């Protein structure tokens, strides 16, 4: 009789452990597929023209993803998603070259977001932008 109660106890422990393991494996999948709490809320960001030097870039977060505001030399300000269209790495602004470089696989994008080289399949996503005087509103 003592052997039976040990067996039941071990079976219960293994069952509990299995359920906990299954929950730990399924939770990240659920979080990935379920919309975030702020989904559907469109955020807006406001900057001053002086926040971005000519030839420079300003990184920020918009609607939960990395974004970048760029003022190329001799050009107008533009805003993009800073997420590479290849595998989702954050692109880096190359100030001297006026282009973006993806540090993961060497993808290159122009100051207008078009693909210059590497594996990215499509250009960077352009973000809506309004300039009123010296104020820049993105989103």
Protein backbone atom coordinates (compact mmCIF):
# COMPACT_ATOMS: atom_id res chain seq x y z
CA UNK A 1 0.00 0.00 0.00
CA UNK A 2 2.88 2.34 0.68
CA UNK A 3 4.22 1.80 -2.86
CA UNK A 4 0.90 2.83 -4.36
CA UNK A 5 0.83 6.19 -2.53
CA UNK A 6 4.42 6.93 -3.63
CA UNK A 7 3.51 6.14 -7.20
CA UNK A 8 0.48 8.43 -7.02
CA UNK A 9 2.60 11.21 -5.52
CA UNK A 10 5.28 10.89 -8.23
CA UNK A 11 2.63 10.78 -10.96
CA UNK A 12 1.03 13.95 -9.56
CA UNK A 13 4.43 15.69 -9.39
CA UNK A 14 5.32 14.72 -12.96
CA UNK A 15 1.89 15.81 -14.20
CA UNK A 16 2.22 19.19 -12.49
CA UNK A 17 5.72 19.61 -13.91
CA UNK A 18 4.46 18.73 -17.39
CA UNK A 19 1.62 21.24 -17.20
CA UNK A 20 3.99 23.96 -15.96
CA UNK A 21 6.42 23.18 -18.79
CA UNK A 22 3.65 23.31 -21.39
CA UNK A 23 2.47 26.64 -20.02
CA UNK A 24 6.02 28.03 -20.12
CA UNK A 25 6.37 26.92 -23.74
CA UNK A 26 2.97 28.26 -24.90
CA UNK A 27 3.03 31.63 -23.10
CA UNK A 28 5.60 33.28 -25.44
CA UNK A 29 3.62 32.04 -28.45
CA UNK A 30 0.43 33.52 -27.01
CA UNK A 31 2.13 36.88 -26.29
CA UNK A 32 3.49 36.95 -29.85
CA UNK A 33 0.12 36.26 -31.47
CA UNK A 34 -2.07 38.33 -29.13
CA UNK A 35 -2.30 42.06 -29.84
CA UNK A 36 -0.63 44.28 -27.27
CA UNK A 37 -2.75 46.35 -24.90
CA UNK A 38 -2.01 49.55 -26.79
CA UNK A 39 -2.73 48.05 -30.22
CA UNK A 40 -4.71 50.37 -32.41
CA UNK A 41 -3.65 53.48 -30.51
CA UNK A 42 -1.69 55.70 -32.85
CA UNK A 43 0.95 57.65 -31.03
CA UNK A 44 2.32 61.00 -32.26
CA UNK A 45 5.77 62.39 -31.52
CA UNK A 46 6.80 66.03 -31.75
CA UNK A 47 10.34 67.32 -32.20
CA UNK A 48 11.94 70.65 -32.92
CA UNK A 49 13.95 71.07 -36.10
CA UNK A 50 16.98 71.83 -33.91
CA UNK A 51 16.73 68.33 -32.36
CA UNK A 52 18.17 66.83 -35.55
CA UNK A 53 21.44 68.30 -36.84
CA UNK A 54 21.98 68.47 -40.60
CA UNK A 55 23.38 65.14 -41.75
CA UNK A 56 22.25 63.56 -38.48
CA UNK A 57 19.54 61.30 -37.12
CA UNK A 58 17.39 61.06 -33.99
CA UNK A 59 16.15 57.64 -32.84
CA UNK A 60 12.95 57.28 -30.84
CA UNK A 61 10.14 54.81 -30.15
CA UNK A 62 6.78 55.17 -31.89
CA UNK A 63 3.85 52.81 -31.31
CA UNK A 64 6.16 50.29 -29.63
CA UNK A 65 8.79 50.08 -32.39
CA UNK A 66 12.07 51.81 -33.10
CA UNK A 67 11.88 54.78 -35.45
CA UNK A 68 14.32 57.37 -36.75
CA UNK A 69 14.08 60.97 -37.89
CA UNK A 70 16.77 61.93 -40.42
CA UNK A 71 17.88 65.26 -41.88
CA UNK A 72 20.21 64.37 -44.79
CA UNK A 73 22.73 67.00 -45.93
CA UNK A 74 20.93 69.42 -48.23
CA UNK A 75 17.64 67.51 -47.88
CA UNK A 76 14.41 67.71 -45.93
CA UNK A 77 13.59 65.75 -42.79
CA UNK A 78 12.21 62.24 -43.24
CA UNK A 79 11.00 59.64 -40.71
CA UNK A 80 11.30 55.87 -41.05
CA UNK A 81 10.81 52.73 -39.07
CA UNK A 82 14.33 51.87 -37.88
CA UNK A 83 13.60 48.15 -38.25
CA UNK A 84 15.44 46.46 -41.13
CA UNK A 85 13.08 44.75 -43.57
CA UNK A 86 15.35 41.69 -43.75
CA UNK A 87 15.36 40.21 -40.23
CA UNK A 88 14.22 43.06 -38.00
CA UNK A 89 17.53 44.44 -36.70
CA UNK A 90 17.75 48.16 -35.91
CA UNK A 91 19.47 50.05 -38.73
CA UNK A 92 22.22 52.54 -37.92
CA UNK A 93 22.62 55.96 -39.56
CA UNK A 94 26.01 56.47 -41.21
CA UNK A 95 26.42 60.25 -40.87
CA UNK A 96 29.36 60.68 -43.24
CA UNK A 97 27.75 58.56 -45.96
CA UNK A 98 24.14 59.77 -45.59
CA UNK A 99 22.79 56.21 -45.53
CA UNK A 100 21.57 53.50 -43.16
CA UNK A 101 23.48 50.29 -42.48
CA UNK A 102 22.02 47.17 -40.92
CA UNK A 103 24.62 45.75 -38.51
CA UNK A 104 23.26 42.18 -38.72
CA UNK A 105 23.72 41.28 -42.40
CA UNK A 106 25.11 44.42 -44.05
CA UNK A 107 21.89 45.72 -45.61
CA UNK A 108 22.22 49.29 -46.89
CA UNK A 109 19.48 51.88 -47.31
CA UNK A 110 19.62 55.38 -48.79
CA UNK A 111 18.58 58.51 -46.89
CA UNK A 112 15.19 58.07 -48.64
CA UNK A 113 14.87 54.50 -47.28
CA UNK A 114 15.42 52.65 -50.59
CA UNK A 115 17.55 49.51 -50.64
CA UNK A 116 21.10 50.15 -51.86
CA UNK A 117 22.53 46.69 -51.25
CA UNK A 118 22.48 43.54 -49.17
CA UNK A 119 19.66 41.13 -48.38
CA UNK A 120 16.75 43.48 -47.44
CA UNK A 121 13.76 42.67 -49.70
CA UNK A 122 12.06 46.07 -49.51
CA UNK A 123 12.69 49.69 -48.44
CA UNK A 124 12.38 51.01 -44.90
CA UNK A 125 8.81 51.89 -43.94
CA UNK A 126 8.27 55.63 -44.26
CA UNK A 127 6.36 57.28 -41.40
CA UNK A 128 3.87 60.13 -41.88
CA UNK A 129 5.43 63.47 -41.04
CA UNK A 130 4.19 67.07 -40.88
CA UNK A 131 6.47 70.10 -40.56
CA UNK A 132 4.90 73.32 -39.25
CA UNK A 133 7.48 76.08 -38.85
CA UNK A 134 10.21 74.52 -36.70
CA UNK A 135 7.98 71.76 -35.25
CA UNK A 136 8.04 68.24 -36.67
CA UNK A 137 5.11 65.92 -35.89
CA UNK A 138 5.45 62.23 -36.68
CA UNK A 139 2.61 59.73 -36.61
